């Protein structure tokens, strides 16, 4: 029987990790990590039957990737958010959104159109999709206005009739 060995190392921050995997006939995986002063900061060995290597390798990769995501800082830093995120919508922005949506062809995939408009208006795709109904557009079909039935589903009246959640957005109507 032939002995097969795989070695590799990687530096992460101030720690260098070395992995040595040997198949003879069992599979043995040794991992050691040393910091810049040479102090051992990580070590471990896994011994497996040779036929389990590929499946256990996939399992370990999935587990380590999931753990890395849990310990990683949130990926949405303020720099990653669109410039107009959390800013109020103005009548001009509402009109631009409505015009862009209604001018679009129904042949354009909805997701692509929403992303395109989001990029242009510097908003998130989620905010664009949720705002479409408020400006009287069917958020599922590019180029189509929201029907009265659709407005009922979204609890709106027609093209929102200048109202958001049933409250006037101007001082004219419903002021007490």
C-alpha atoms as a PDB file:
ATOM      1  CA  UNK A   1       0.000   0.000   0.000  1.00  0.00           C
ATOM      2  CA  UNK A   2       1.251   3.464  -0.886  1.00  0.00           C
ATOM      3  CA  UNK A   3       1.367   6.277   1.642  1.00  0.00           C
ATOM      4  CA  UNK A   4      -0.011   9.549   0.320  1.00  0.00           C
ATOM      5  CA  UNK A   5       0.673  12.858   2.068  1.00  0.00           C
ATOM      6  CA  UNK A   6      -0.750  16.314   1.432  1.00  0.00           C
ATOM      7  CA  UNK A   7       0.717  19.394   3.103  1.00  0.00           C
ATOM      8  CA  UNK A   8      -0.294  23.024   2.965  1.00  0.00           C
ATOM      9  CA  UNK A   9      -0.046  26.128   5.120  1.00  0.00           C
ATOM     10  CA  UNK A  10      -1.806  29.448   5.276  1.00  0.00           C
ATOM     11  CA  UNK A  11      -1.209  32.635   7.234  1.00  0.00           C
ATOM     12  CA  UNK A  12      -4.286  34.244   8.788  1.00  0.00           C
ATOM     13  CA  UNK A  13      -3.527  37.417  10.706  1.00  0.00           C
ATOM     14  CA  UNK A  14      -0.533  36.697  12.919  1.00  0.00           C
ATOM     15  CA  UNK A  15      -1.033  32.914  12.918  1.00  0.00           C
ATOM     16  CA  UNK A  16       0.350  30.413  10.429  1.00  0.00           C
ATOM     17  CA  UNK A  17      -1.661  27.212  10.138  1.00  0.00           C
ATOM     18  CA  UNK A  18      -0.171  24.034   8.714  1.00  0.00           C
ATOM     19  CA  UNK A  19      -2.243  21.068   7.615  1.00  0.00           C
ATOM     20  CA  UNK A  20      -0.784  17.626   6.956  1.00  0.00           C
ATOM     21  CA  UNK A  21      -3.069  14.853   5.685  1.00  0.00           C
ATOM     22  CA  UNK A  22      -1.767  11.306   5.346  1.00  0.00           C
ATOM     23  CA  UNK A  23      -3.488   8.209   3.939  1.00  0.00           C
ATOM     24  CA  UNK A  24      -1.765   4.956   5.043  1.00  0.00           C
ATOM     25  CA  UNK A  25      -4.345   3.129   4.862  1.00  0.00           C
ATOM     26  CA  UNK A  26      -6.348   5.202   7.371  1.00  0.00           C
ATOM     27  CA  UNK A  27      -6.700   8.922   6.858  1.00  0.00           C
ATOM     28  CA  UNK A  28      -5.005  11.165   9.409  1.00  0.00           C
ATOM     29  CA  UNK A  29      -5.406  14.953   9.318  1.00  0.00           C
ATOM     30  CA  UNK A  30      -3.127  17.047  11.547  1.00  0.00           C
ATOM     31  CA  UNK A  31      -3.550  20.799  11.995  1.00  0.00           C
ATOM     32  CA  UNK A  32      -1.201  23.096  13.899  1.00  0.00           C
ATOM     33  CA  UNK A  33      -1.200  26.867  14.229  1.00  0.00           C
ATOM     34  CA  UNK A  34       1.682  28.990  15.499  1.00  0.00           C
ATOM     35  CA  UNK A  35       1.803  32.737  16.092  1.00  0.00           C
ATOM     36  CA  UNK A  36       4.700  35.009  15.079  1.00  0.00           C
ATOM     37  CA  UNK A  37       6.596  34.223  18.294  1.00  0.00           C
ATOM     38  CA  UNK A  38       6.394  30.494  17.523  1.00  0.00           C
ATOM     39  CA  UNK A  39       3.880  29.700  20.275  1.00  0.00           C
ATOM     40  CA  UNK A  40       1.427  26.904  19.475  1.00  0.00           C
ATOM     41  CA  UNK A  41      -2.081  28.429  19.379  1.00  0.00           C
ATOM     42  CA  UNK A  42      -4.042  25.633  17.642  1.00  0.00           C
ATOM     43  CA  UNK A  43      -3.597  21.903  17.184  1.00  0.00           C
ATOM     44  CA  UNK A  44      -5.679  18.871  16.474  1.00  0.00           C
ATOM     45  CA  UNK A  45      -5.773  15.493  14.774  1.00  0.00           C
ATOM     46  CA  UNK A  46      -8.608  13.622  13.102  1.00  0.00           C
ATOM     47  CA  UNK A  47      -8.306   9.930  12.225  1.00  0.00           C
ATOM     48  CA  UNK A  48     -10.822   8.454   9.774  1.00  0.00           C
ATOM     49  CA  UNK A  49     -11.340   5.383   7.631  1.00  0.00           C
ATOM     50  CA  UNK A  50      -9.849   6.086   4.200  1.00  0.00           C
ATOM     51  CA  UNK A  51     -13.204   5.843   2.420  1.00  0.00           C
ATOM     52  CA  UNK A  52     -14.740   8.576   4.645  1.00  0.00           C
ATOM     53  CA  UNK A  53     -12.276  11.324   3.702  1.00  0.00           C
ATOM     54  CA  UNK A  54     -14.231  13.036   0.924  1.00  0.00           C
ATOM     55  CA  UNK A  55     -17.562  13.068   2.770  1.00  0.00           C
ATOM     56  CA  UNK A  56     -16.042  14.169   6.085  1.00  0.00           C
ATOM     57  CA  UNK A  57     -14.056  16.831   4.214  1.00  0.00           C
ATOM     58  CA  UNK A  58     -17.285  18.297   2.799  1.00  0.00           C
ATOM     59  CA  UNK A  59     -18.917  18.141   6.221  1.00  0.00           C
ATOM     60  CA  UNK A  60     -15.988  19.906   7.889  1.00  0.00           C
ATOM     61  CA  UNK A  61     -15.944  22.568   5.175  1.00  0.00           C
ATOM     62  CA  UNK A  62     -19.655  23.277   5.688  1.00  0.00           C
ATOM     63  CA  UNK A  63     -19.335  23.422   9.472  1.00  0.00           C
ATOM     64  CA  UNK A  64     -16.263  25.666   9.398  1.00  0.00           C
ATOM     65  CA  UNK A  65     -17.854  27.984   6.837  1.00  0.00           C
ATOM     66  CA  UNK A  66     -20.991  28.300   8.975  1.00  0.00           C
ATOM     67  CA  UNK A  67     -18.933  29.005  12.099  1.00  0.00           C
ATOM     68  CA  UNK A  68     -16.895  31.611  10.228  1.00  0.00           C
ATOM     69  CA  UNK A  69     -20.095  33.392   9.186  1.00  0.00           C
ATOM     70  CA  UNK A  70     -21.336  33.409  12.776  1.00  0.00           C
ATOM     71  CA  UNK A  71     -18.146  34.935  14.117  1.00  0.00           C
ATOM     72  CA  UNK A  72     -17.620  37.383  11.244  1.00  0.00           C
ATOM     73  CA  UNK A  73     -18.683  41.002  11.672  1.00  0.00           C
ATOM     74  CA  UNK A  74     -21.976  41.896   9.970  1.00  0.00           C
ATOM     75  CA  UNK A  75     -21.490  42.269   6.232  1.00  0.00           C
ATOM     76  CA  UNK A  76     -23.747  45.309   5.963  1.00  0.00           C
ATOM     77  CA  UNK A  77     -21.636  48.155   7.169  1.00  0.00           C
ATOM     78  CA  UNK A  78     -22.884  51.702   6.585  1.00  0.00           C
ATOM     79  CA  UNK A  79     -20.578  51.851   3.556  1.00  0.00           C
ATOM     80  CA  UNK A  80     -22.370  48.882   2.001  1.00  0.00           C
ATOM     81  CA  UNK A  81     -25.836  50.425   2.247  1.00  0.00           C
ATOM     82  CA  UNK A  82     -27.198  52.537  -0.592  1.00  0.00           C
ATOM     83  CA  UNK A  83     -26.619  56.271  -0.217  1.00  0.00           C
ATOM     84  CA  UNK A  84     -30.332  57.052   0.206  1.00  0.00           C
ATOM     85  CA  UNK A  85     -31.079  54.173   2.606  1.00  0.00           C
ATOM     86  CA  UNK A  86     -33.425  55.221   5.419  1.00  0.00           C
ATOM     87  CA  UNK A  87     -34.005  58.665   3.930  1.00  0.00           C
ATOM     88  CA  UNK A  88     -37.630  59.737   3.449  1.00  0.00           C
ATOM     89  CA  UNK A  89     -39.220  59.371   0.027  1.00  0.00           C
ATOM     90  CA  UNK A  90     -40.052  62.668  -1.667  1.00  0.00           C
ATOM     91  CA  UNK A  91     -42.884  63.221  -4.150  1.00  0.00           C
ATOM     92  CA  UNK A  92     -40.257  63.614  -6.904  1.00  0.00           C
ATOM     93  CA  UNK A  93     -38.689  60.250  -6.050  1.00  0.00           C
ATOM     94  CA  UNK A  94     -42.129  58.620  -5.945  1.00  0.00           C
ATOM     95  CA  UNK A  95     -42.937  60.095  -9.370  1.00  0.00           C
ATOM     96  CA  UNK A  96     -39.586  58.917 -10.784  1.00  0.00           C
ATOM     97  CA  UNK A  97     -40.142  55.422  -9.444  1.00  0.00           C
ATOM     98  CA  UNK A  98     -43.671  55.283 -10.856  1.00  0.00           C
ATOM     99  CA  UNK A  99     -42.547  56.606 -14.256  1.00  0.00           C
ATOM    100  CA  UNK A 100     -39.640  54.121 -14.477  1.00  0.00           C
ATOM    101  CA  UNK A 101     -41.880  51.183 -13.548  1.00  0.00           C
ATOM    102  CA  UNK A 102     -44.769  52.045 -15.855  1.00  0.00           C
ATOM    103  CA  UNK A 103     -42.434  52.782 -18.793  1.00  0.00           C
ATOM    104  CA  UNK A 104     -40.793  49.354 -18.511  1.00  0.00           C
ATOM    105  CA  UNK A 105     -41.594  46.463 -20.812  1.00  0.00           C
ATOM    106  CA  UNK A 106     -43.231  43.386 -19.299  1.00  0.00           C
ATOM    107  CA  UNK A 107     -40.489  41.365 -21.027  1.00  0.00           C
ATOM    108  CA  UNK A 108     -37.902  42.622 -18.513  1.00  0.00           C
ATOM    109  CA  UNK A 109     -37.467  40.277 -15.546  1.00  0.00           C
ATOM    110  CA  UNK A 110     -38.962  41.921 -12.455  1.00  0.00           C
ATOM    111  CA  UNK A 111     -35.869  41.304 -10.341  1.00  0.00           C
ATOM    112  CA  UNK A 112     -33.575  42.902 -12.915  1.00  0.00           C
ATOM    113  CA  UNK A 113     -35.773  45.986 -13.255  1.00  0.00           C
ATOM    114  CA  UNK A 114     -36.017  46.421  -9.481  1.00  0.00           C
ATOM    115  CA  UNK A 115     -32.221  46.148  -9.144  1.00  0.00           C
ATOM    116  CA  UNK A 116     -31.711  48.653 -11.946  1.00  0.00           C
ATOM    117  CA  UNK A 117     -34.089  51.194 -10.427  1.00  0.00           C
ATOM    118  CA  UNK A 118     -32.603  50.618  -6.965  1.00  0.00           C
ATOM    119  CA  UNK A 119     -29.138  51.362  -8.276  1.00  0.00           C
ATOM    120  CA  UNK A 120     -30.276  54.524 -10.057  1.00  0.00           C
ATOM    121  CA  UNK A 121     -32.231  55.845  -7.057  1.00  0.00           C
ATOM    122  CA  UNK A 122     -29.550  54.650  -4.617  1.00  0.00           C
ATOM    123  CA  UNK A 123     -32.047  52.581  -2.622  1.00  0.00           C
ATOM    124  CA  UNK A 124     -32.137  48.900  -1.749  1.00  0.00           C
ATOM    125  CA  UNK A 125     -34.095  46.516  -3.997  1.00  0.00           C
ATOM    126  CA  UNK A 126     -36.282  45.730  -0.975  1.00  0.00           C
ATOM    127  CA  UNK A 127     -37.203  49.389  -0.500  1.00  0.00           C
ATOM    128  CA  UNK A 128     -38.015  49.757  -4.200  1.00  0.00           C
ATOM    129  CA  UNK A 129     -40.261  46.700  -4.221  1.00  0.00           C
ATOM    130  CA  UNK A 130     -42.125  47.796  -1.100  1.00  0.00           C
ATOM    131  CA  UNK A 131     -42.546  51.346  -2.389  1.00  0.00           C
ATOM    132  CA  UNK A 132     -43.993  50.295  -5.770  1.00  0.00           C
ATOM    133  CA  UNK A 133     -47.463  49.542  -4.355  1.00  0.00           C
ATOM    134  CA  UNK A 134     -47.527  52.883  -2.559  1.00  0.00           C
ATOM    135  CA  UNK A 135     -46.997  54.710  -5.833  1.00  0.00           C
ATOM    136  CA  UNK A 136     -49.682  52.686  -7.586  1.00  0.00           C
ATOM    137  CA  UNK A 137     -47.545  50.104  -9.384  1.00  0.00           C
ATOM    138  CA  UNK A 138     -47.953  46.341  -9.442  1.00  0.00           C
ATOM    139  CA  UNK A 139     -44.681  45.154  -7.818  1.00  0.00           C
ATOM    140  CA  UNK A 140     -44.902  41.809  -9.604  1.00  0.00           C
ATOM    141  CA  UNK A 141     -45.338  42.982 -13.208  1.00  0.00           C
ATOM    142  CA  UNK A 142     -43.132  45.685 -14.787  1.00  0.00           C
ATOM    143  CA  UNK A 143     -45.133  48.282 -16.720  1.00  0.00           C
ATOM    144  CA  UNK A 144     -48.431  47.565 -14.955  1.00  0.00           C
ATOM    145  CA  UNK A 145     -50.311  49.849 -12.585  1.00  0.00           C
ATOM    146  CA  UNK A 146     -51.723  48.413  -9.384  1.00  0.00           C
ATOM    147  CA  UNK A 147     -55.318  47.250  -9.739  1.00  0.00           C
ATOM    148  CA  UNK A 148     -58.004  48.182  -7.229  1.00  0.00           C
ATOM    149  CA  UNK A 149     -57.907  44.599  -5.936  1.00  0.00           C
ATOM    150  CA  UNK A 150     -54.149  44.818  -5.556  1.00  0.00           C
ATOM    151  CA  UNK A 151     -54.526  48.107  -3.717  1.00  0.00           C
ATOM    152  CA  UNK A 152     -56.899  46.397  -1.295  1.00  0.00           C
ATOM    153  CA  UNK A 153     -54.342  43.673  -0.692  1.00  0.00           C
ATOM    154  CA  UNK A 154     -51.747  46.318   0.115  1.00  0.00           C
ATOM    155  CA  UNK A 155     -54.405  48.307   2.073  1.00  0.00           C
ATOM    156  CA  UNK A 156     -54.097  51.266  -0.266  1.00  0.00           C
ATOM    157  CA  UNK A 157     -56.727  53.306  -2.043  1.00  0.00           C
ATOM    158  CA  UNK A 158     -56.093  53.616  -5.783  1.00  0.00           C
ATOM    159  CA  UNK A 159     -52.772  55.295  -6.441  1.00  0.00           C
ATOM    160  CA  UNK A 160     -52.456  55.752  -2.704  1.00  0.00           C
ATOM    161  CA  UNK A 161     -54.484  58.940  -3.123  1.00  0.00           C
ATOM    162  CA  UNK A 162     -51.778  60.925  -1.403  1.00  0.00           C
ATOM    163  CA  UNK A 163     -52.027  58.745   1.676  1.00  0.00           C
ATOM    164  CA  UNK A 164     -49.621  56.449   3.406  1.00  0.00           C
ATOM    165  CA  UNK A 165     -51.261  53.912   5.753  1.00  0.00           C
ATOM    166  CA  UNK A 166     -54.471  55.944   5.669  1.00  0.00           C
ATOM    167  CA  UNK A 167     -52.907  59.143   7.019  1.00  0.00           C
ATOM    168  CA  UNK A 168     -52.698  62.318   4.933  1.00  0.00           C
ATOM    169  CA  UNK A 169     -49.246  63.150   3.624  1.00  0.00           C
ATOM    170  CA  UNK A 170     -50.081  66.819   3.130  1.00  0.00           C
ATOM    171  CA  UNK A 171     -51.684  69.398   5.319  1.00  0.00           C
ATOM    172  CA  UNK A 172     -54.784  69.769   3.095  1.00  0.00           C
ATOM    173  CA  UNK A 173     -56.849  66.693   3.718  1.00  0.00           C
ATOM    174  CA  UNK A 174     -57.844  65.322   7.096  1.00  0.00           C
ATOM    175  CA  UNK A 175     -56.209  68.066   9.178  1.00  0.00           C
ATOM    176  CA  UNK A 176     -57.919  68.631  12.501  1.00  0.00           C
END
